[in-house]
Amino acid sequence: MASTLKLEPVEDMPRTRASEVKTLGWRGVMKAVNRVGKVVVTNHNHPEAVILSAQEYDALVQALRKAESREQSALEELRHRFDERLASLQAPDAGDRLRSVMRGPAKLGGKVKAGAGH
């Protein structure tokens, strides 16, 4: 099961030097990763890589999928609203309705009205 995703800048993550990776070996590095979930590997104090635990990686993938799903839902809603408006313009009586509206005086009650605002 994926853990809760905690995003933080690389500068704030736990660090280990590349030389320590060589000295401690993979098991030593993985002990640190398993303790905190992620470790930044530095070379001359500059970040070069981030090693993530499988749980951190799964949480990252899950968060990206949720964001993608929300984006798709928003796009579908916009597409649906556009299609509804387009359908009203393509109705057989659309031209007559538009001419009828344009012939009459605008009744705005002293307010400027633009679009379908609420």
N, C-alpha and C. Protein backbone atom coordinates (compact mmCIF):
# COMPACT_ATOMS: atom_id res chain seq x y z
N MET A 1 0.85 -1.19 0.00
CA MET A 1 0.00 0.00 0.00
C MET A 1 0.89 1.25 0.00
N ALA A 2 0.55 2.23 -0.80
CA ALA A 2 1.35 3.44 -0.92
C ALA A 2 1.17 4.33 0.30
N SER A 3 2.27 4.99 0.70
CA SER A 3 2.19 5.92 1.81
C SER A 3 1.69 7.26 1.31
N THR A 4 1.44 8.18 2.24
CA THR A 4 1.01 9.52 1.87
C THR A 4 2.19 10.26 1.25
N LEU A 5 1.95 10.91 0.15
CA LEU A 5 3.01 11.62 -0.56
C LEU A 5 3.34 12.92 0.17
N LYS A 6 4.63 13.10 0.46
CA LYS A 6 5.10 14.32 1.10
C LYS A 6 6.14 14.94 0.19
N LEU A 7 5.73 15.94 -0.58
CA LEU A 7 6.65 16.59 -1.50
C LEU A 7 7.46 17.64 -0.76
N GLU A 8 8.73 17.62 -1.01
CA GLU A 8 9.61 18.61 -0.41
C GLU A 8 10.72 18.92 -1.39
N PRO A 9 11.27 20.11 -1.32
CA PRO A 9 12.36 20.46 -2.23
C PRO A 9 13.59 19.58 -1.98
N VAL A 10 14.37 19.37 -3.01
CA VAL A 10 15.59 18.56 -2.90
C VAL A 10 16.48 19.10 -1.79
N GLU A 11 16.52 20.42 -1.63
CA GLU A 11 17.39 21.02 -0.61
C GLU A 11 17.02 20.57 0.80
N ASP A 12 15.74 20.21 1.03
CA ASP A 12 15.28 19.85 2.36
C ASP A 12 15.30 18.34 2.63
N MET A 13 15.67 17.55 1.64
CA MET A 13 15.66 16.09 1.80
C MET A 13 16.93 15.61 2.50
N PRO A 14 16.84 14.45 3.15
CA PRO A 14 18.06 13.86 3.73
C PRO A 14 19.07 13.59 2.62
N ARG A 15 20.36 13.73 2.95
CA ARG A 15 21.41 13.61 1.95
C ARG A 15 22.42 12.53 2.32
N THR A 16 23.05 12.03 1.29
CA THR A 16 24.21 11.18 1.46
C THR A 16 25.17 11.49 0.32
N ARG A 17 26.45 11.49 0.64
CA ARG A 17 27.45 11.79 -0.39
C ARG A 17 27.67 10.56 -1.27
N ALA A 18 28.02 10.81 -2.51
CA ALA A 18 28.30 9.71 -3.44
C ALA A 18 29.41 8.82 -2.89
N SER A 19 30.37 9.42 -2.21
CA SER A 19 31.46 8.61 -1.63
C SER A 19 30.92 7.68 -0.55
N GLU A 20 29.88 8.11 0.20
CA GLU A 20 29.27 7.24 1.21
C GLU A 20 28.53 6.09 0.55
N VAL A 21 27.93 6.35 -0.59
CA VAL A 21 27.25 5.29 -1.32
C VAL A 21 28.27 4.20 -1.67
N LYS A 22 29.44 4.63 -2.10
CA LYS A 22 30.49 3.67 -2.44
C LYS A 22 30.97 2.93 -1.18
N THR A 23 31.14 3.67 -0.09
CA THR A 23 31.66 3.08 1.15
C THR A 23 30.62 2.16 1.80
N LEU A 24 29.39 2.65 1.95
CA LEU A 24 28.35 1.88 2.63
C LEU A 24 27.78 0.76 1.76
N GLY A 25 27.86 0.94 0.47
CA GLY A 25 27.27 -0.03 -0.44
C GLY A 25 25.77 0.17 -0.53
N TRP A 26 25.16 -0.63 -1.39
CA TRP A 26 23.73 -0.51 -1.64
C TRP A 26 22.91 -0.74 -0.38
N ARG A 27 23.26 -1.75 0.41
CA ARG A 27 22.50 -2.05 1.63
C ARG A 27 22.53 -0.89 2.61
N GLY A 28 23.66 -0.25 2.75
CA GLY A 28 23.77 0.90 3.65
C GLY A 28 22.90 2.06 3.21
N VAL A 29 22.91 2.31 1.91
CA VAL A 29 22.08 3.39 1.37
C VAL A 29 20.61 3.05 1.55
N MET A 30 20.25 1.80 1.29
CA MET A 30 18.84 1.40 1.40
C MET A 30 18.35 1.45 2.84
N LYS A 31 19.23 1.29 3.82
CA LYS A 31 18.80 1.46 5.22
C LYS A 31 18.33 2.90 5.44
N ALA A 32 19.08 3.85 4.91
CA ALA A 32 18.68 5.25 5.03
C ALA A 32 17.39 5.51 4.26
N VAL A 33 17.28 4.97 3.07
CA VAL A 33 16.08 5.16 2.25
C VAL A 33 14.87 4.57 2.97
N ASN A 34 15.00 3.38 3.51
CA ASN A 34 13.89 2.73 4.21
C ASN A 34 13.50 3.50 5.48
N ARG A 35 14.45 4.18 6.09
CA ARG A 35 14.18 4.95 7.30
C ARG A 35 13.36 6.22 6.98
N VAL A 36 13.73 6.91 5.90
CA VAL A 36 13.11 8.22 5.61
C VAL A 36 12.34 8.28 4.29
N GLY A 37 12.42 7.22 3.48
CA GLY A 37 11.64 7.18 2.25
C GLY A 37 12.35 7.67 1.02
N LYS A 38 13.32 8.55 1.20
CA LYS A 38 14.06 9.09 0.06
C LYS A 38 15.37 9.70 0.53
N VAL A 39 16.36 9.66 -0.33
CA VAL A 39 17.68 10.22 -0.02
C VAL A 39 18.23 10.88 -1.27
N VAL A 40 18.80 12.06 -1.08
CA VAL A 40 19.46 12.76 -2.18
C VAL A 40 20.94 12.37 -2.15
N VAL A 41 21.43 11.93 -3.30
CA VAL A 41 22.85 11.60 -3.41
C VAL A 41 23.55 12.83 -3.98
N THR A 42 24.58 13.27 -3.27
CA THR A 42 25.29 14.48 -3.68
C THR A 42 26.71 14.14 -4.11
N ASN A 43 27.24 14.98 -4.96
CA ASN A 43 28.64 14.89 -5.37
C ASN A 43 29.20 16.30 -5.24
N HIS A 44 30.19 16.47 -4.38
CA HIS A 44 30.74 17.79 -4.08
C HIS A 44 29.63 18.74 -3.64
N ASN A 45 28.73 18.22 -2.80
CA ASN A 45 27.62 18.95 -2.20
C ASN A 45 26.56 19.42 -3.19
N HIS A 46 26.58 18.87 -4.41
CA HIS A 46 25.56 19.20 -5.41
C HIS A 46 24.68 17.97 -5.62
N PRO A 47 23.35 18.14 -5.55
CA PRO A 47 22.44 16.99 -5.75
C PRO A 47 22.63 16.39 -7.15
N GLU A 48 22.76 15.07 -7.19
CA GLU A 48 22.90 14.38 -8.47
C GLU A 48 21.75 13.42 -8.73
N ALA A 49 21.19 12.85 -7.66
CA ALA A 49 20.12 11.87 -7.84
C ALA A 49 19.30 11.79 -6.56
N VAL A 50 18.07 11.30 -6.72
CA VAL A 50 17.21 11.02 -5.57
C VAL A 50 16.86 9.54 -5.63
N ILE A 51 17.10 8.85 -4.53
CA ILE A 51 16.72 7.45 -4.44
C ILE A 51 15.46 7.39 -3.60
N LEU A 52 14.40 6.80 -4.18
CA LEU A 52 13.10 6.70 -3.51
C LEU A 52 12.84 5.26 -3.09
N SER A 53 12.14 5.11 -1.98
CA SER A 53 11.65 3.79 -1.62
C SER A 53 10.52 3.44 -2.58
N ALA A 54 10.20 2.17 -2.65
CA ALA A 54 9.10 1.74 -3.52
C ALA A 54 7.80 2.40 -3.06
N GLN A 55 7.61 2.57 -1.75
CA GLN A 55 6.39 3.21 -1.24
C GLN A 55 6.31 4.66 -1.68
N GLU A 56 7.42 5.38 -1.60
CA GLU A 56 7.43 6.78 -2.04
C GLU A 56 7.13 6.87 -3.54
N TYR A 57 7.72 5.98 -4.31
CA TYR A 57 7.47 5.97 -5.75
C TYR A 57 6.00 5.69 -6.05
N ASP A 58 5.42 4.69 -5.37
CA ASP A 58 4.01 4.37 -5.57
C ASP A 58 3.12 5.56 -5.21
N ALA A 59 3.45 6.24 -4.12
CA ALA A 59 2.67 7.41 -3.71
C ALA A 59 2.76 8.51 -4.76
N LEU A 60 3.93 8.69 -5.34
CA LEU A 60 4.13 9.69 -6.39
C LEU A 60 3.30 9.35 -7.63
N VAL A 61 3.34 8.09 -8.04
CA VAL A 61 2.57 7.65 -9.20
C VAL A 61 1.07 7.82 -8.94
N GLN A 62 0.63 7.44 -7.75
CA GLN A 62 -0.79 7.55 -7.39
C GLN A 62 -1.23 9.02 -7.41
N ALA A 63 -0.41 9.92 -6.89
CA ALA A 63 -0.75 11.35 -6.89
C ALA A 63 -0.83 11.88 -8.32
N LEU A 64 0.07 11.44 -9.18
CA LEU A 64 0.04 11.88 -10.57
C LEU A 64 -1.20 11.36 -11.28
N ARG A 65 -1.59 10.13 -10.99
CA ARG A 65 -2.80 9.57 -11.61
C ARG A 65 -4.05 10.32 -11.15
N LYS A 66 -4.10 10.66 -9.87
CA LYS A 66 -5.25 11.43 -9.36
C LYS A 66 -5.32 12.79 -10.03
N ALA A 67 -4.17 13.44 -10.17
CA ALA A 67 -4.14 14.76 -10.82
C ALA A 67 -4.58 14.64 -12.27
N GLU A 68 -4.11 13.61 -12.95
CA GLU A 68 -4.51 13.40 -14.34
C GLU A 68 -6.01 13.13 -14.45
N SER A 69 -6.55 12.38 -13.51
CA SER A 69 -7.98 12.08 -13.52
C SER A 69 -8.80 13.36 -13.30
N ARG A 70 -8.37 14.20 -12.38
CA ARG A 70 -9.07 15.47 -12.14
C ARG A 70 -9.02 16.35 -13.38
N GLU A 71 -7.88 16.37 -14.03
CA GLU A 71 -7.73 17.16 -15.24
C GLU A 71 -8.65 16.65 -16.34
N GLN A 72 -8.72 15.33 -16.50
CA GLN A 72 -9.60 14.75 -17.50
C GLN A 72 -11.06 15.07 -17.20
N SER A 73 -11.45 15.00 -15.93
CA SER A 73 -12.82 15.32 -15.54
C SER A 73 -13.16 16.77 -15.87
N ALA A 74 -12.23 17.67 -15.58
CA ALA A 74 -12.46 19.08 -15.88
C ALA A 74 -12.59 19.30 -17.39
N LEU A 75 -11.74 18.62 -18.17
CA LEU A 75 -11.83 18.75 -19.62
C LEU A 75 -13.14 18.19 -20.16
N GLU A 76 -13.58 17.07 -19.62
CA GLU A 76 -14.86 16.48 -20.04
C GLU A 76 -16.02 17.42 -19.74
N GLU A 77 -15.99 18.06 -18.58
CA GLU A 77 -17.05 19.02 -18.21
C GLU A 77 -17.05 20.20 -19.18
N LEU A 78 -15.87 20.75 -19.48
CA LEU A 78 -15.79 21.85 -20.45
C LEU A 78 -16.29 21.41 -21.83
N ARG A 79 -15.90 20.22 -22.24
CA ARG A 79 -16.33 19.70 -23.54
C ARG A 79 -17.85 19.56 -23.58
N HIS A 80 -18.43 19.06 -22.50
CA HIS A 80 -19.88 18.88 -22.42
C HIS A 80 -20.60 20.23 -22.52
N ARG A 81 -20.11 21.24 -21.76
CA ARG A 81 -20.74 22.56 -21.81
C ARG A 81 -20.61 23.19 -23.19
N PHE A 82 -19.46 23.03 -23.82
CA PHE A 82 -19.27 23.56 -25.18
C PHE A 82 -20.23 22.88 -26.15
N ASP A 83 -20.34 21.56 -26.06
CA ASP A 83 -21.23 20.82 -26.97
C ASP A 83 -22.68 21.25 -26.78
N GLU A 84 -23.10 21.53 -25.54
CA GLU A 84 -24.47 22.00 -25.30
C GLU A 84 -24.69 23.35 -25.96
N ARG A 85 -23.75 24.25 -25.81
CA ARG A 85 -23.89 25.57 -26.44
C ARG A 85 -23.87 25.47 -27.95
N LEU A 86 -22.99 24.64 -28.47
CA LEU A 86 -22.92 24.46 -29.91
C LEU A 86 -24.23 23.87 -30.44
N ALA A 87 -24.80 22.93 -29.73
CA ALA A 87 -26.06 22.31 -30.15
C ALA A 87 -27.17 23.36 -30.23
N SER A 88 -27.20 24.30 -29.28
CA SER A 88 -28.25 25.31 -29.33
C SER A 88 -28.08 26.22 -30.54
N LEU A 89 -26.84 26.43 -30.97
CA LEU A 89 -26.61 27.25 -32.17
C LEU A 89 -26.95 26.51 -33.45
N GLN A 90 -26.96 25.19 -33.39
CA GLN A 90 -27.25 24.40 -34.57
C GLN A 90 -28.72 23.98 -34.65
N ALA A 91 -29.51 24.40 -33.69
CA ALA A 91 -30.94 24.06 -33.72
C ALA A 91 -31.60 24.74 -34.92
N PRO A 92 -32.64 24.13 -35.47
CA PRO A 92 -33.30 24.69 -36.67
C PRO A 92 -33.79 26.12 -36.47
N ASP A 93 -34.21 26.48 -35.26
CA ASP A 93 -34.75 27.82 -35.04
C ASP A 93 -33.72 28.79 -34.47
N ALA A 94 -32.44 28.43 -34.48
CA ALA A 94 -31.40 29.28 -33.88
C ALA A 94 -31.33 30.65 -34.54
N GLY A 95 -31.39 30.69 -35.85
CA GLY A 95 -31.34 31.97 -36.57
C GLY A 95 -32.51 32.86 -36.22
N ASP A 96 -33.72 32.29 -36.16
CA ASP A 96 -34.91 33.07 -35.81
C ASP A 96 -34.81 33.60 -34.39
N ARG A 97 -34.34 32.76 -33.47
CA ARG A 97 -34.21 33.21 -32.08
C ARG A 97 -33.21 34.35 -31.97
N LEU A 98 -32.09 34.25 -32.66
CA LEU A 98 -31.08 35.30 -32.62
C LEU A 98 -31.62 36.60 -33.19
N ARG A 99 -32.30 36.53 -34.35
CA ARG A 99 -32.87 37.74 -34.95
C ARG A 99 -33.90 38.37 -34.01
N SER A 100 -34.68 37.57 -33.33
CA SER A 100 -35.68 38.07 -32.40
C SER A 100 -35.03 38.83 -31.25
N VAL A 101 -33.98 38.27 -30.73
CA VAL A 101 -33.27 38.93 -29.62
C VAL A 101 -32.64 40.23 -30.10
N MET A 102 -32.06 40.21 -31.28
CA MET A 102 -31.35 41.39 -31.78
C MET A 102 -32.31 42.51 -32.17
N ARG A 103 -33.55 42.19 -32.56
CA ARG A 103 -34.52 43.22 -32.94
C ARG A 103 -35.01 44.01 -31.74
N GLY A 104 -35.13 43.38 -30.62
CA GLY A 104 -35.66 44.06 -29.44
C GLY A 104 -34.61 44.89 -28.73
N PRO A 105 -35.06 45.83 -27.93
CA PRO A 105 -34.10 46.66 -27.18
C PRO A 105 -33.47 45.83 -26.05
N ALA A 106 -32.26 46.19 -25.76
CA ALA A 106 -31.56 45.51 -24.66
C ALA A 106 -32.10 46.02 -23.33
N LYS A 107 -32.44 45.11 -22.45
CA LYS A 107 -32.96 45.47 -21.12
C LYS A 107 -31.96 44.97 -20.08
N LEU A 108 -31.04 45.85 -19.74
CA LEU A 108 -29.98 45.45 -18.81
C LEU A 108 -30.21 45.99 -17.41
N GLY A 109 -31.17 46.84 -17.23
CA GLY A 109 -31.45 47.39 -15.91
C GLY A 109 -30.27 48.16 -15.34
N GLY A 110 -29.53 48.82 -16.19
CA GLY A 110 -28.40 49.64 -15.71
C GLY A 110 -27.14 48.84 -15.45
N LYS A 111 -27.14 47.56 -15.73
CA LYS A 111 -25.96 46.73 -15.49
C LYS A 111 -25.40 46.22 -16.81
N VAL A 112 -24.08 46.17 -16.87
CA VAL A 112 -23.43 45.61 -18.05
C VAL A 112 -23.40 44.10 -17.84
N LYS A 113 -23.77 43.38 -18.89
CA LYS A 113 -23.84 41.92 -18.77
C LYS A 113 -23.03 41.33 -19.92
N ALA A 114 -22.09 40.46 -19.57
CA ALA A 114 -21.26 39.81 -20.59
C ALA A 114 -21.11 38.34 -20.21
N GLY A 115 -21.42 37.45 -21.13
CA GLY A 115 -21.24 36.02 -20.88
C GLY A 115 -22.28 35.46 -19.95
N ALA A 116 -21.99 34.27 -19.42
CA ALA A 116 -22.92 33.55 -18.56
C ALA A 116 -22.47 33.62 -17.12
N GLY A 117 -22.01 34.78 -16.66
CA GLY A 117 -21.54 34.92 -15.29
C GLY A 117 -22.64 34.78 -14.27
N HIS A 118 -22.21 34.51 -13.05
CA HIS A 118 -23.18 34.31 -11.96
C HIS A 118 -23.14 35.47 -11.00
